[in-house]
C-alpha atoms as a PDB file:
ATOM      1  CA  MET A   1      32.533 127.386-156.597  1.00  0.00           C
ATOM      2  CA  ILE A   2      32.562 131.088-155.714  1.00  0.00           C
ATOM      3  CA  ARG A   3      29.100 131.470-157.178  1.00  0.00           C
ATOM      4  CA  ARG A   4      27.789 128.636-155.011  1.00  0.00           C
ATOM      5  CA  LEU A   5      29.381 130.176-151.920  1.00  0.00           C
ATOM      6  CA  LEU A   6      27.824 133.566-152.665  1.00  0.00           C
ATOM      7  CA  GLU A   7      24.418 131.966-153.220  1.00  0.00           C
ATOM      8  CA  HIS A   8      24.702 130.139-149.912  1.00  0.00           C
ATOM      9  CA  ARG A   9      25.681 133.345-148.092  1.00  0.00           C
ATOM     10  CA  ARG A  10      22.720 135.185-149.641  1.00  0.00           C
ATOM     11  CA  TYR A  11      20.382 132.330-148.694  1.00  0.00           C
ATOM     12  CA  MET A  12      21.620 132.372-145.103  1.00  0.00           C
ATOM     13  CA  ARG A  13      21.269 136.169-144.917  1.00  0.00           C
ATOM     14  CA  GLU A  14      17.685 135.873-146.158  1.00  0.00           C
ATOM     15  CA  HIS A  15      17.089 132.984-143.765  1.00  0.00           C
ATOM     16  CA  ARG A  16      18.198 134.979-140.726  1.00  0.00           C
ATOM     17  CA  TRP A  17      16.276 138.077-141.820  1.00  0.00           C
ATOM     18  CA  THR A  18      13.099 136.099-142.514  1.00  0.00           C
ATOM     19  CA  HIS A  19      13.310 134.191-139.242  1.00  0.00           C
ATOM     20  CA  ALA A  20      13.627 137.482-137.345  1.00  0.00           C
ATOM     21  CA  HIS A  21      10.605 139.001-139.133  1.00  0.00           C
ATOM     22  CA  LEU A  22       8.073 136.157-139.139  1.00  0.00           C
ATOM     23  CA  SER A  23       6.135 137.589-136.208  1.00  0.00           C
ATOM     24  CA  ALA A  24       5.934 141.024-137.843  1.00  0.00           C
ATOM     25  CA  TYR A  25       4.806 139.290-141.033  1.00  0.00           C
ATOM     26  CA  LEU A  26       1.906 137.624-139.212  1.00  0.00           C
ATOM     27  CA  ASP A  27       1.042 140.916-137.508  1.00  0.00           C
ATOM     28  CA  GLN A  28       1.030 142.605-140.933  1.00  0.00           C
ATOM     29  CA  ASP A  29       3.635 145.086-139.716  1.00  0.00           C
ATOM     30  CA  LEU A  30       5.878 144.787-142.780  1.00  0.00           C
ATOM     31  CA  SER A  31       5.960 146.880-145.919  1.00  0.00           C
ATOM     32  CA  PRO A  32       4.783 145.204-149.135  1.00  0.00           C
ATOM     33  CA  LEU A  33       8.410 144.674-150.219  1.00  0.00           C
ATOM     34  CA  GLU A  34       9.297 143.110-146.870  1.00  0.00           C
ATOM     35  CA  ARG A  35       6.225 140.854-147.029  1.00  0.00           C
ATOM     36  CA  GLU A  36       7.292 139.719-150.481  1.00  0.00           C
ATOM     37  CA  ARG A  37      10.808 139.059-149.162  1.00  0.00           C
ATOM     38  CA  VAL A  38       9.404 136.820-146.420  1.00  0.00           C
ATOM     39  CA  GLU A  39       7.089 135.011-148.842  1.00  0.00           C
ATOM     40  CA  ASP A  40       9.900 134.420-151.337  1.00  0.00           C
ATOM     41  CA  HIS A  41      12.134 132.877-148.699  1.00  0.00           C
ATOM     42  CA  VAL A  42       9.378 130.829-147.056  1.00  0.00           C
ATOM     43  CA  GLY A  43       8.610 129.459-150.513  1.00  0.00           C
ATOM     44  CA  ILE A  44      12.055 127.824-150.706  1.00  0.00           C
ATOM     45  CA  CYS A  45      12.982 127.228-147.049  1.00  0.00           C
ATOM     46  CA  PRO A  46      11.324 124.271-145.308  1.00  0.00           C
ATOM     47  CA  HIS A  47      12.587 125.402-141.894  1.00  0.00           C
ATOM     48  CA  CYS A  48      11.041 128.877-142.127  1.00  0.00           C
ATOM     49  CA  ARG A  49       7.859 127.402-143.609  1.00  0.00           C
ATOM     50  CA  ARG A  50       7.596 125.075-140.583  1.00  0.00           C
ATOM     51  CA  VAL A  51       8.241 127.928-138.118  1.00  0.00           C
ATOM     52  CA  LEU A  52       5.627 130.109-139.827  1.00  0.00           C
ATOM     53  CA  ARG A  53       3.085 127.267-139.731  1.00  0.00           C
ATOM     54  CA  THR A  54       3.796 126.729-136.025  1.00  0.00           C
ATOM     55  CA  LEU A  55       3.428 130.441-135.266  1.00  0.00           C
ATOM     56  CA  ARG A  56       0.095 130.509-137.101  1.00  0.00           C
ATOM     57  CA  ARG A  57      -1.189 127.509-135.121  1.00  0.00           C
ATOM     58  CA  THR A  58      -0.028 129.087-131.862  1.00  0.00           C
ATOM     59  CA  LEU A  59      -1.784 132.373-132.635  1.00  0.00           C
ATOM     60  CA  LYS A  60      -4.955 130.527-133.623  1.00  0.00           C
ATOM     61  CA  SER A  61      -4.906 128.594-130.336  1.00  0.00           C
ATOM     62  CA  LEU A  62      -4.346 131.766-128.343  1.00  0.00           C
ATOM     63  CA  MET A  63      -7.233 133.508-130.105  1.00  0.00           C
ATOM     64  CA  GLU A  64      -9.511 130.589-129.202  1.00  0.00           C
ATOM     65  CA  LEU A  65      -8.849 130.912-125.471  1.00  0.00           C
ATOM     66  CA  PRO A  66     -11.871 132.068-123.490  1.00  0.00           C
ATOM     67  CA  VAL A  67     -11.926 135.772-122.710  1.00  0.00           C
ATOM     68  CA  GLU A  68     -13.185 135.260-119.189  1.00  0.00           C
ATOM     69  CA  PRO A  69     -11.103 132.962-117.010  1.00  0.00           C
ATOM     70  CA  ARG A  70     -12.905 129.946-115.656  1.00  0.00           C
ATOM     71  CA  PRO A  71     -13.378 129.828-111.910  1.00  0.00           C
ATOM     72  CA  SER A  72     -10.722 127.679-110.366  1.00  0.00           C
ATOM     73  CA  VAL A  73     -10.920 125.319-107.443  1.00  0.00           C
ATOM     74  CA  ALA A  74      -8.893 127.814-105.406  1.00  0.00           C
ATOM     75  CA  ASP A  75     -11.524 130.519-106.029  1.00  0.00           C
ATOM     76  CA  GLY A  76     -14.255 128.231-104.699  1.00  0.00           C
ATOM     77  CA  VAL A  77     -12.230 127.373-101.610  1.00  0.00           C
ATOM     78  CA  LEU A  78     -11.440 131.011-100.912  1.00  0.00           C
ATOM     79  CA  GLU A  79     -15.088 131.971-101.299  1.00  0.00           C
ATOM     80  CA  ARG A  80     -16.179 129.267 -98.813  1.00  0.00           C
ATOM     81  CA  LEU A  81     -13.524 130.355 -96.320  1.00  0.00           C
ATOM     82  CA  ARG A  82     -14.723 133.946 -96.540  1.00  0.00           C
ATOM     83  CA  ARG A  83     -18.303 132.893 -95.780  1.00  0.00           C
ATOM     84  CA  GLU A  84     -17.379 130.865 -92.705  1.00  0.00           C
ATOM     85  CA  PRO A  85     -17.703 132.639 -89.345  1.00  0.00           C
END
């Protein structure tokens, strides 16, 4: 029973640490040992695996946004108002 409790406490400690470092993991701002720590936990934790997958999709979507903003309707209206006498 004590062993199970200690294992659960260790798991939860790793869970909290991993959750707090997922962004740094994706940014490659962790040491090799820290990266391995994240990968070990993500390998056994469905919640952290799901969060990591979501973060990856979000970053991919952000990277696919156009660099130059598209002209908006408001820009066209403002431009026409400036040209009117």
